[in-house]
Amino acid sequence: MTDDHWIQLRRDPRTGIETVRAHFTGHAYDPHGHDELLIGITQQGVQRFRCQRALHTSTPGRAILIEPGAVHDGHAPEETGFTYAMLYLPQDWTTRLLAQHGLGGLSAIQPAFRDTLADDPRLFTAIEAAFDALHAGEARLGCDQTLDRLMGLLARHVDVSDQPMRGDSSRLAERAREFLHDRMAWDVGLDDLVAHTGMDRFRLTRQFKQSFGQSPHAYLVSLRLRAARALLARGHRPSEVATEVGFSDQSHLGRWFQRAYRLTPADYRRRCTNLLDRDPGPT
């Protein structure tokens, strides 16, 4: 397969919603997560990705529903590749809209979608309409109405059933995750996690991966990338962002950022803010 791709990205300044339309052949992106809720559709071809410990195959007509923080990757199993359209919905915005439909919001009640791929023609049409309105910069009223319709249909796919009780190992893995969030910019070692949780290093690594789908190091990189993405979207320079979120330098940030998002940090910043990065050195 050839490695051919293109990416179109827009950011709505009023809602903070990003719209991404992209085409990939072969490998699309490495495993990563987002702080936002990802709602999208495959417009052409076959899109295959791992999410929630399962392999999913998306084709036109199916809706893609990915919770904040859920680790996923992507590739094209066919030579023609795939094209998709995706909405990145900020958690605070999503919480307010879902509350109007009697739900507390994805960040507040931590539900999962019943299905990562939903066969719901009405939802598919609503995603497409909301994407087109935002991506084309339609008037506020038109965007608002398409988004309200989308959230009303999306609420039917949220599973708010009680989560099962978690054992001691799971709770300790959660403590390790909280430690990584609190010290994201530190040079954290496995011994630090062991000291904080009281678990031996092999049990800790095994339980962390079972609970969150990634090793502690992979989770920390993903956490840093999500924080970097948010700062870049607000106009911060890549060199400043790299230091703030814990990467050793701008080049280190750039390598990981491109693997996850197929854009350089400077390019992502420019697409979100129309600011040109003038930092010296690689991005």
C-alpha atoms as a PDB file:
ATOM      1  CA  MET A   1       0.000   0.000   0.000  1.00  0.00           C
ATOM      2  CA  THR A   2       1.137   3.556  -0.580  1.00  0.00           C
ATOM      3  CA  ASP A   3       1.338   6.002   2.297  1.00  0.00           C
ATOM      4  CA  ASP A   4      -0.839   8.778   0.918  1.00  0.00           C
ATOM      5  CA  HIS A   5      -2.959  11.062   3.072  1.00  0.00           C
ATOM      6  CA  TRP A   6      -4.472  14.498   3.420  1.00  0.00           C
ATOM      7  CA  ILE A   7      -6.076  16.288   6.371  1.00  0.00           C
ATOM      8  CA  GLN A   8      -8.538  19.194   6.542  1.00  0.00           C
ATOM      9  CA  LEU A   9      -9.035  20.687  10.013  1.00  0.00           C
ATOM     10  CA  ARG A  10     -11.230  23.539  11.224  1.00  0.00           C
ATOM     11  CA  ARG A  11     -11.877  24.799  14.752  1.00  0.00           C
ATOM     12  CA  ASP A  12     -15.096  26.620  15.632  1.00  0.00           C
ATOM     13  CA  PRO A  13     -14.091  29.490  17.954  1.00  0.00           C
ATOM     14  CA  ARG A  14     -17.521  29.726  19.562  1.00  0.00           C
ATOM     15  CA  THR A  15     -17.958  26.104  20.675  1.00  0.00           C
ATOM     16  CA  GLY A  16     -14.362  24.867  20.559  1.00  0.00           C
ATOM     17  CA  ILE A  17     -15.472  21.969  18.339  1.00  0.00           C
ATOM     18  CA  GLU A  18     -12.911  20.739  15.834  1.00  0.00           C
ATOM     19  CA  THR A  19     -13.979  19.228  12.527  1.00  0.00           C
ATOM     20  CA  VAL A  20     -11.526  16.947  10.751  1.00  0.00           C
ATOM     21  CA  ARG A  21     -11.930  15.401   7.326  1.00  0.00           C
ATOM     22  CA  ALA A  22      -9.030  13.163   6.313  1.00  0.00           C
ATOM     23  CA  HIS A  23      -7.994  10.459   3.887  1.00  0.00           C
ATOM     24  CA  PHE A  24      -5.463   7.733   4.659  1.00  0.00           C
ATOM     25  CA  THR A  25      -4.003   4.738   2.924  1.00  0.00           C
ATOM     26  CA  GLY A  26      -2.080   2.115   4.849  1.00  0.00           C
ATOM     27  CA  HIS A  27      -1.191   3.101   8.413  1.00  0.00           C
ATOM     28  CA  ALA A  28      -3.199   6.110   9.598  1.00  0.00           C
ATOM     29  CA  TYR A  29      -2.101   6.803  13.172  1.00  0.00           C
ATOM     30  CA  ASP A  30      -0.639   5.172  16.279  1.00  0.00           C
ATOM     31  CA  PRO A  31      -2.697   4.401  19.423  1.00  0.00           C
ATOM     32  CA  HIS A  32      -3.706   7.602  21.202  1.00  0.00           C
ATOM     33  CA  GLY A  33      -6.601   9.206  23.053  1.00  0.00           C
ATOM     34  CA  HIS A  34      -8.369  12.572  23.108  1.00  0.00           C
ATOM     35  CA  ASP A  35      -9.849  14.737  25.834  1.00  0.00           C
ATOM     36  CA  GLU A  36     -12.802  15.351  23.523  1.00  0.00           C
ATOM     37  CA  LEU A  37     -15.708  13.135  22.575  1.00  0.00           C
ATOM     38  CA  LEU A  38     -15.173  11.814  19.037  1.00  0.00           C
ATOM     39  CA  ILE A  39     -18.236  11.443  16.819  1.00  0.00           C
ATOM     40  CA  GLY A  40     -17.722  10.637  13.161  1.00  0.00           C
ATOM     41  CA  ILE A  41     -18.497   8.714  10.013  1.00  0.00           C
ATOM     42  CA  THR A  42     -16.546   6.905   7.329  1.00  0.00           C
ATOM     43  CA  GLN A  43     -17.364   8.577   4.031  1.00  0.00           C
ATOM     44  CA  GLN A  44     -15.450   6.297   1.652  1.00  0.00           C
ATOM     45  CA  GLY A  45     -13.629   2.982   1.871  1.00  0.00           C
ATOM     46  CA  VAL A  46     -12.971   0.728   4.847  1.00  0.00           C
ATOM     47  CA  GLN A  47     -11.648   2.149   8.120  1.00  0.00           C
ATOM     48  CA  ARG A  48     -10.294  -0.320  10.676  1.00  0.00           C
ATOM     49  CA  PHE A  49      -9.241   0.580  14.204  1.00  0.00           C
ATOM     50  CA  ARG A  50      -8.773  -0.845  17.670  1.00  0.00           C
ATOM     51  CA  CYS A  51     -10.745   0.701  20.526  1.00  0.00           C
ATOM     52  CA  GLN A  52     -12.043  -0.651  23.838  1.00  0.00           C
ATOM     53  CA  ARG A  53      -9.929  -3.811  23.409  1.00  0.00           C
ATOM     54  CA  ALA A  54     -11.714  -4.761  20.189  1.00  0.00           C
ATOM     55  CA  LEU A  55     -11.064  -4.448  16.460  1.00  0.00           C
ATOM     56  CA  HIS A  56     -13.696  -2.431  14.602  1.00  0.00           C
ATOM     57  CA  THR A  57     -14.378  -2.078  10.888  1.00  0.00           C
ATOM     58  CA  SER A  58     -16.231   1.051   9.808  1.00  0.00           C
ATOM     59  CA  THR A  59     -17.815   1.511   6.397  1.00  0.00           C
ATOM     60  CA  PRO A  60     -20.105   4.268   5.036  1.00  0.00           C
ATOM     61  CA  GLY A  61     -23.411   4.311   6.886  1.00  0.00           C
ATOM     62  CA  ARG A  62     -22.079   3.532  10.361  1.00  0.00           C
ATOM     63  CA  ALA A  63     -21.497   6.076  13.148  1.00  0.00           C
ATOM     64  CA  ILE A  64     -18.216   6.067  15.092  1.00  0.00           C
ATOM     65  CA  LEU A  65     -18.593   6.854  18.818  1.00  0.00           C
ATOM     66  CA  ILE A  66     -15.440   7.163  20.946  1.00  0.00           C
ATOM     67  CA  GLU A  67     -15.430   8.315  24.573  1.00  0.00           C
ATOM     68  CA  PRO A  68     -12.936  10.857  25.956  1.00  0.00           C
ATOM     69  CA  GLY A  69      -9.654   9.155  26.772  1.00  0.00           C
ATOM     70  CA  ALA A  70     -10.459   5.945  24.900  1.00  0.00           C
ATOM     71  CA  VAL A  71      -7.301   4.695  23.187  1.00  0.00           C
ATOM     72  CA  HIS A  72      -7.651   3.995  19.468  1.00  0.00           C
ATOM     73  CA  ASP A  73      -5.509   3.632  16.361  1.00  0.00           C
ATOM     74  CA  GLY A  74      -6.346   3.401  12.655  1.00  0.00           C
ATOM     75  CA  HIS A  75      -5.386   1.864   9.350  1.00  0.00           C
ATOM     76  CA  ALA A  76      -6.778   1.154   5.897  1.00  0.00           C
ATOM     77  CA  PRO A  77      -7.051  -2.571   5.112  1.00  0.00           C
ATOM     78  CA  GLU A  78      -7.703  -1.883   1.412  1.00  0.00           C
ATOM     79  CA  GLU A  79      -5.401  -0.184  -1.101  1.00  0.00           C
ATOM     80  CA  THR A  80      -7.918   2.555  -1.915  1.00  0.00           C
ATOM     81  CA  GLY A  81      -7.756   3.781   1.677  1.00  0.00           C
ATOM     82  CA  PHE A  82     -10.566   5.497   3.538  1.00  0.00           C
ATOM     83  CA  THR A  83     -11.966   8.991   4.046  1.00  0.00           C
ATOM     84  CA  TYR A  84     -13.657  10.010   7.280  1.00  0.00           C
ATOM     85  CA  ALA A  85     -15.290  13.058   8.860  1.00  0.00           C
ATOM     86  CA  MET A  86     -14.988  13.548  12.609  1.00  0.00           C
ATOM     87  CA  LEU A  87     -16.311  15.983  15.194  1.00  0.00           C
ATOM     88  CA  TYR A  88     -14.170  16.563  18.305  1.00  0.00           C
ATOM     89  CA  LEU A  89     -16.664  17.692  20.962  1.00  0.00           C
ATOM     90  CA  PRO A  90     -15.204  19.342  24.121  1.00  0.00           C
ATOM     91  CA  GLN A  91     -16.343  17.696  27.343  1.00  0.00           C
ATOM     92  CA  ASP A  92     -17.710  20.845  28.968  1.00  0.00           C
ATOM     93  CA  TRP A  93     -19.767  21.669  25.884  1.00  0.00           C
ATOM     94  CA  THR A  94     -20.988  18.070  25.658  1.00  0.00           C
ATOM     95  CA  THR A  95     -21.961  18.033  29.344  1.00  0.00           C
ATOM     96  CA  ARG A  96     -24.200  21.068  28.915  1.00  0.00           C
ATOM     97  CA  LEU A  97     -25.954  19.670  25.849  1.00  0.00           C
ATOM     98  CA  LEU A  98     -26.455  16.170  27.255  1.00  0.00           C
ATOM     99  CA  ALA A  99     -27.835  17.645  30.483  1.00  0.00           C
ATOM    100  CA  GLN A 100     -30.692  19.051  28.439  1.00  0.00           C
ATOM    101  CA  HIS A 101     -31.558  15.451  27.563  1.00  0.00           C
ATOM    102  CA  GLY A 102     -31.468  14.250  31.180  1.00  0.00           C
ATOM    103  CA  LEU A 103     -27.881  12.952  31.189  1.00  0.00           C
ATOM    104  CA  GLY A 104     -25.054  14.269  33.330  1.00  0.00           C
ATOM    105  CA  GLY A 105     -22.383  14.373  30.681  1.00  0.00           C
ATOM    106  CA  LEU A 106     -19.610  12.025  29.688  1.00  0.00           C
ATOM    107  CA  SER A 107     -16.975  13.537  31.938  1.00  0.00           C
ATOM    108  CA  ALA A 108     -19.249  13.611  34.982  1.00  0.00           C
ATOM    109  CA  ILE A 109     -20.822  10.151  35.027  1.00  0.00           C
ATOM    110  CA  GLN A 110     -18.200   8.273  33.000  1.00  0.00           C
ATOM    111  CA  PRO A 111     -20.584   6.216  30.872  1.00  0.00           C
ATOM    112  CA  ALA A 112     -19.616   4.268  27.818  1.00  0.00           C
ATOM    113  CA  PHE A 113     -21.422   4.106  24.545  1.00  0.00           C
ATOM    114  CA  ARG A 114     -23.253   0.852  24.084  1.00  0.00           C
ATOM    115  CA  ASP A 115     -21.469   0.397  20.763  1.00  0.00           C
ATOM    116  CA  THR A 116     -18.316   1.925  19.295  1.00  0.00           C
ATOM    117  CA  LEU A 117     -19.919   1.534  15.849  1.00  0.00           C
ATOM    118  CA  ALA A 118     -23.624   2.317  15.697  1.00  0.00           C
ATOM    119  CA  ASP A 119     -25.916   1.241  12.871  1.00  0.00           C
ATOM    120  CA  ASP A 120     -28.310   4.161  13.196  1.00  0.00           C
ATOM    121  CA  PRO A 121     -29.190   5.917   9.913  1.00  0.00           C
ATOM    122  CA  ARG A 122     -30.707   8.937  11.665  1.00  0.00           C
ATOM    123  CA  LEU A 123     -27.595   9.428  13.784  1.00  0.00           C
ATOM    124  CA  PHE A 124     -25.368   9.022  10.716  1.00  0.00           C
ATOM    125  CA  THR A 125     -27.330  11.738   8.894  1.00  0.00           C
ATOM    126  CA  ALA A 126     -27.208  14.030  11.942  1.00  0.00           C
ATOM    127  CA  ILE A 127     -23.426  13.645  12.260  1.00  0.00           C
ATOM    128  CA  GLU A 128     -22.976  14.429   8.587  1.00  0.00           C
ATOM    129  CA  ALA A 129     -25.219  17.501   8.796  1.00  0.00           C
ATOM    130  CA  ALA A 130     -23.507  18.864  11.914  1.00  0.00           C
ATOM    131  CA  PHE A 131     -20.079  18.284  10.413  1.00  0.00           C
ATOM    132  CA  ASP A 132     -20.975  20.015   7.145  1.00  0.00           C
ATOM    133  CA  ALA A 133     -22.460  23.016   8.944  1.00  0.00           C
ATOM    134  CA  LEU A 134     -19.456  23.568  11.210  1.00  0.00           C
ATOM    135  CA  HIS A 135     -16.790  22.721   8.650  1.00  0.00           C
ATOM    136  CA  ALA A 136     -18.305  25.157   6.142  1.00  0.00           C
ATOM    137  CA  GLY A 137     -18.744  27.922   8.728  1.00  0.00           C
ATOM    138  CA  GLU A 138     -22.524  28.147   8.455  1.00  0.00           C
ATOM    139  CA  ALA A 139     -24.454  30.788  10.407  1.00  0.00           C
ATOM    140  CA  ARG A 140     -24.830  30.248  14.170  1.00  0.00           C
ATOM    141  CA  LEU A 141     -28.484  29.272  14.067  1.00  0.00           C
ATOM    142  CA  GLY A 142     -27.898  26.600  11.457  1.00  0.00           C
ATOM    143  CA  CYS A 143     -24.965  25.137  13.394  1.00  0.00           C
ATOM    144  CA  ASP A 144     -26.884  25.226  16.681  1.00  0.00           C
ATOM    145  CA  GLN A 145     -29.868  23.367  15.263  1.00  0.00           C
ATOM    146  CA  THR A 146     -27.780  20.628  13.667  1.00  0.00           C
ATOM    147  CA  LEU A 147     -25.798  20.171  16.899  1.00  0.00           C
ATOM    148  CA  ASP A 148     -28.941  20.008  19.036  1.00  0.00           C
ATOM    149  CA  ARG A 149     -30.371  17.345  16.773  1.00  0.00           C
ATOM    150  CA  LEU A 150     -27.105  15.416  16.901  1.00  0.00           C
ATOM    151  CA  MET A 151     -26.966  15.449  20.709  1.00  0.00           C
ATOM    152  CA  GLY A 152     -30.581  14.413  21.005  1.00  0.00           C
ATOM    153  CA  LEU A 153     -29.934  11.337  18.873  1.00  0.00           C
ATOM    154  CA  LEU A 154     -26.567  10.665  20.513  1.00  0.00           C
ATOM    155  CA  ALA A 155     -28.126  10.534  23.992  1.00  0.00           C
ATOM    156  CA  ARG A 156     -29.904   7.328  23.016  1.00  0.00           C
ATOM    157  CA  HIS A 157     -26.557   5.588  22.596  1.00  0.00           C
ATOM    158  CA  VAL A 158     -25.109   6.467  26.017  1.00  0.00           C
ATOM    159  CA  ASP A 159     -24.986   3.596  28.522  1.00  0.00           C
ATOM    160  CA  VAL A 160     -25.452   5.005  32.027  1.00  0.00           C
ATOM    161  CA  SER A 161     -25.806   1.663  33.823  1.00  0.00           C
ATOM    162  CA  ASP A 162     -23.981   1.254  37.117  1.00  0.00           C
ATOM    163  CA  GLN A 163     -20.336   0.270  36.846  1.00  0.00           C
ATOM    164  CA  PRO A 164     -19.280  -2.955  38.583  1.00  0.00           C
ATOM    165  CA  MET A 165     -17.403  -2.771  41.893  1.00  0.00           C
ATOM    166  CA  ARG A 166     -13.681  -2.698  41.399  1.00  0.00           C
ATOM    167  CA  GLY A 167     -11.133  -4.733  43.334  1.00  0.00           C
ATOM    168  CA  ASP A 168      -8.030  -3.534  45.182  1.00  0.00           C
ATOM    169  CA  SER A 169      -5.797  -3.943  42.124  1.00  0.00           C
ATOM    170  CA  SER A 170      -8.069  -1.769  40.004  1.00  0.00           C
ATOM    171  CA  ARG A 171      -8.216   0.913  42.686  1.00  0.00           C
ATOM    172  CA  LEU A 172      -4.436   0.929  42.960  1.00  0.00           C
ATOM    173  CA  ALA A 173      -4.143   1.216  39.172  1.00  0.00           C
ATOM    174  CA  GLU A 174      -6.456   4.215  39.412  1.00  0.00           C
ATOM    175  CA  ARG A 175      -4.123   5.727  42.006  1.00  0.00           C
ATOM    176  CA  ALA A 176      -1.228   5.255  39.592  1.00  0.00           C
ATOM    177  CA  ARG A 177      -3.209   6.989  36.854  1.00  0.00           C
ATOM    178  CA  GLU A 178      -4.021   9.910  39.156  1.00  0.00           C
ATOM    179  CA  PHE A 179      -0.310  10.168  39.986  1.00  0.00           C
ATOM    180  CA  LEU A 180       0.508  10.473  36.273  1.00  0.00           C
ATOM    181  CA  HIS A 181      -2.108  13.202  35.850  1.00  0.00           C
ATOM    182  CA  ASP A 182      -0.797  15.141  38.851  1.00  0.00           C
ATOM    183  CA  ARG A 183       2.837  14.868  37.715  1.00  0.00           C
ATOM    184  CA  MET A 184       2.413  14.860  33.947  1.00  0.00           C
ATOM    185  CA  ALA A 185       5.369  17.179  33.353  1.00  0.00           C
ATOM    186  CA  TRP A 186       7.706  15.280  35.689  1.00  0.00           C
ATOM    187  CA  ASP A 187      10.255  12.673  34.642  1.00  0.00           C
ATOM    188  CA  VAL A 188       8.238   9.906  36.312  1.00  0.00           C
ATOM    189  CA  GLY A 189       9.797   6.484  36.761  1.00  0.00           C
ATOM    190  CA  LEU A 190       8.207   3.132  37.498  1.00  0.00           C
ATOM    191  CA  ASP A 191       9.698   3.238  40.998  1.00  0.00           C
ATOM    192  CA  ASP A 192       7.693   6.408  41.663  1.00  0.00           C
ATOM    193  CA  LEU A 193       4.473   4.590  40.773  1.00  0.00           C
ATOM    194  CA  VAL A 194       5.459   1.617  42.918  1.00  0.00           C
ATOM    195  CA  ALA A 195       6.133   3.873  45.899  1.00  0.00           C
ATOM    196  CA  HIS A 196       2.819   5.676  45.418  1.00  0.00           C
ATOM    197  CA  THR A 197       0.655   2.554  45.052  1.00  0.00           C
ATOM    198  CA  GLY A 198       2.496  -0.104  47.040  1.00  0.00           C
ATOM    199  CA  MET A 199       2.216  -2.580  44.168  1.00  0.00           C
ATOM    200  CA  ASP A 200       5.240  -4.399  42.786  1.00  0.00           C
ATOM    201  CA  ARG A 201       6.311  -3.110  39.380  1.00  0.00           C
ATOM    202  CA  PHE A 202       5.278  -6.172  37.357  1.00  0.00           C
ATOM    203  CA  ARG A 203       1.824  -6.422  38.904  1.00  0.00           C
ATOM    204  CA  LEU A 204       1.387  -2.668  38.535  1.00  0.00           C
ATOM    205  CA  THR A 205       2.241  -2.659  34.826  1.00  0.00           C
ATOM    206  CA  ARG A 206      -0.004  -5.655  34.171  1.00  0.00           C
ATOM    207  CA  GLN A 207      -2.970  -4.229  36.120  1.00  0.00           C
ATOM    208  CA  PHE A 208      -2.573  -0.740  34.637  1.00  0.00           C
ATOM    209  CA  LYS A 209      -2.699  -2.107  31.117  1.00  0.00           C
ATOM    210  CA  GLN A 210      -5.695  -4.277  31.970  1.00  0.00           C
ATOM    211  CA  SER A 211      -7.557  -1.302  33.442  1.00  0.00           C
ATOM    212  CA  PHE A 212      -6.690   1.383  30.901  1.00  0.00           C
ATOM    213  CA  GLY A 213      -5.587  -0.442  27.759  1.00  0.00           C
ATOM    214  CA  GLN A 214      -2.048   1.000  27.765  1.00  0.00           C
ATOM    215  CA  SER A 215       1.179   0.635  29.684  1.00  0.00           C
ATOM    216  CA  PRO A 216       1.914   3.465  32.154  1.00  0.00           C
ATOM    217  CA  HIS A 217       4.454   4.983  29.749  1.00  0.00           C
ATOM    218  CA  ALA A 218       2.115   4.862  26.745  1.00  0.00           C
ATOM    219  CA  TYR A 219      -0.650   6.382  28.874  1.00  0.00           C
ATOM    220  CA  LEU A 220       1.661   9.201  29.999  1.00  0.00           C
ATOM    221  CA  VAL A 221       2.673   9.989  26.406  1.00  0.00           C
ATOM    222  CA  SER A 222      -0.991  10.054  25.371  1.00  0.00           C
ATOM    223  CA  LEU A 223      -1.823  12.295  28.330  1.00  0.00           C
ATOM    224  CA  ARG A 224       0.948  14.714  27.364  1.00  0.00           C
ATOM    225  CA  LEU A 225      -0.182  14.757  23.740  1.00  0.00           C
ATOM    226  CA  ARG A 226      -3.752  15.587  24.727  1.00  0.00           C
ATOM    227  CA  ALA A 227      -2.519  18.444  26.921  1.00  0.00           C
ATOM    228  CA  ALA A 228      -0.221  19.658  24.126  1.00  0.00           C
ATOM    229  CA  ARG A 229      -3.067  19.616  21.633  1.00  0.00           C
ATOM    230  CA  ALA A 230      -5.199  21.807  23.904  1.00  0.00           C
ATOM    231  CA  LEU A 231      -2.394  24.326  24.463  1.00  0.00           C
ATOM    232  CA  LEU A 232      -1.494  24.513  20.775  1.00  0.00           C
ATOM    233  CA  ALA A 233      -5.145  25.135  19.891  1.00  0.00           C
ATOM    234  CA  ARG A 234      -5.029  28.171  22.202  1.00  0.00           C
ATOM    235  CA  GLY A 235      -2.012  29.558  20.360  1.00  0.00           C
ATOM    236  CA  HIS A 236       0.901  28.480  22.576  1.00  0.00           C
ATOM    237  CA  ARG A 237       4.189  27.925  20.762  1.00  0.00           C
ATOM    238  CA  PRO A 238       5.383  24.333  20.288  1.00  0.00           C
ATOM    239  CA  SER A 239       8.658  24.991  22.115  1.00  0.00           C
ATOM    240  CA  GLU A 240       6.768  26.294  25.163  1.00  0.00           C
ATOM    241  CA  VAL A 241       4.228  23.491  25.025  1.00  0.00           C
ATOM    242  CA  ALA A 242       6.876  20.766  24.908  1.00  0.00           C
ATOM    243  CA  THR A 243       8.386  21.907  28.193  1.00  0.00           C
ATOM    244  CA  GLU A 244       5.057  22.548  29.884  1.00  0.00           C
ATOM    245  CA  VAL A 245       3.612  19.076  29.266  1.00  0.00           C
ATOM    246  CA  GLY A 246       6.775  17.087  29.958  1.00  0.00           C
ATOM    247  CA  PHE A 247       8.497  16.358  26.643  1.00  0.00           C
ATOM    248  CA  SER A 248      12.261  16.817  26.689  1.00  0.00           C
ATOM    249  CA  ASP A 249      12.215  19.335  23.849  1.00  0.00           C
ATOM    250  CA  GLN A 250      10.276  20.528  20.797  1.00  0.00           C
ATOM    251  CA  SER A 251      11.672  17.790  18.582  1.00  0.00           C
ATOM    252  CA  HIS A 252      10.563  15.124  21.064  1.00  0.00           C
ATOM    253  CA  LEU A 253       7.035  16.566  21.073  1.00  0.00           C
ATOM    254  CA  GLY A 254       7.031  16.735  17.275  1.00  0.00           C
ATOM    255  CA  ARG A 255       7.922  13.066  16.801  1.00  0.00           C
ATOM    256  CA  TRP A 256       5.163  11.817  19.079  1.00  0.00           C
ATOM    257  CA  PHE A 257       2.602  14.361  17.821  1.00  0.00           C
ATOM    258  CA  GLN A 258       3.051  13.327  14.193  1.00  0.00           C
ATOM    259  CA  ARG A 259       2.722   9.642  15.040  1.00  0.00           C
ATOM    260  CA  ALA A 260      -0.605  10.244  16.784  1.00  0.00           C
ATOM    261  CA  TYR A 261      -2.191  13.000  14.684  1.00  0.00           C
ATOM    262  CA  ARG A 262      -0.256  13.006  11.377  1.00  0.00           C
ATOM    263  CA  LEU A 263       0.349  16.755  11.749  1.00  0.00           C
ATOM    264  CA  THR A 264       3.273  18.700  13.170  1.00  0.00           C
ATOM    265  CA  PRO A 265       2.531  20.742  16.302  1.00  0.00           C
ATOM    266  CA  ALA A 266       3.164  23.960  14.357  1.00  0.00           C
ATOM    267  CA  ASP A 267       0.790  22.919  11.575  1.00  0.00           C
ATOM    268  CA  TYR A 268      -1.930  21.980  14.067  1.00  0.00           C
ATOM    269  CA  ARG A 269      -1.490  25.336  15.858  1.00  0.00           C
ATOM    270  CA  ARG A 270      -1.730  27.213  12.572  1.00  0.00           C
ATOM    271  CA  ARG A 271      -4.888  25.377  11.481  1.00  0.00           C
ATOM    272  CA  CYS A 272      -6.581  26.148  14.803  1.00  0.00           C
ATOM    273  CA  THR A 273      -5.467  29.745  15.223  1.00  0.00           C
ATOM    274  CA  ASN A 274      -4.160  31.009  11.834  1.00  0.00           C
ATOM    275  CA  LEU A 275      -0.949  31.928  13.658  1.00  0.00           C
ATOM    276  CA  LEU A 276       2.397  31.099  12.109  1.00  0.00           C
ATOM    277  CA  ASP A 277       4.974  29.520  14.395  1.00  0.00           C
ATOM    278  CA  ARG A 278       8.313  31.263  14.169  1.00  0.00           C
ATOM    279  CA  ASP A 279      10.194  29.141  16.667  1.00  0.00           C
ATOM    280  CA  PRO A 280      13.568  27.970  15.390  1.00  0.00           C
ATOM    281  CA  GLY A 281      14.275  24.296  15.091  1.00  0.00           C
ATOM    282  CA  PRO A 282      12.204  21.242  14.109  1.00  0.00           C
ATOM    283  CA  THR A 283       8.513  20.894  14.844  1.00  0.00           C
END
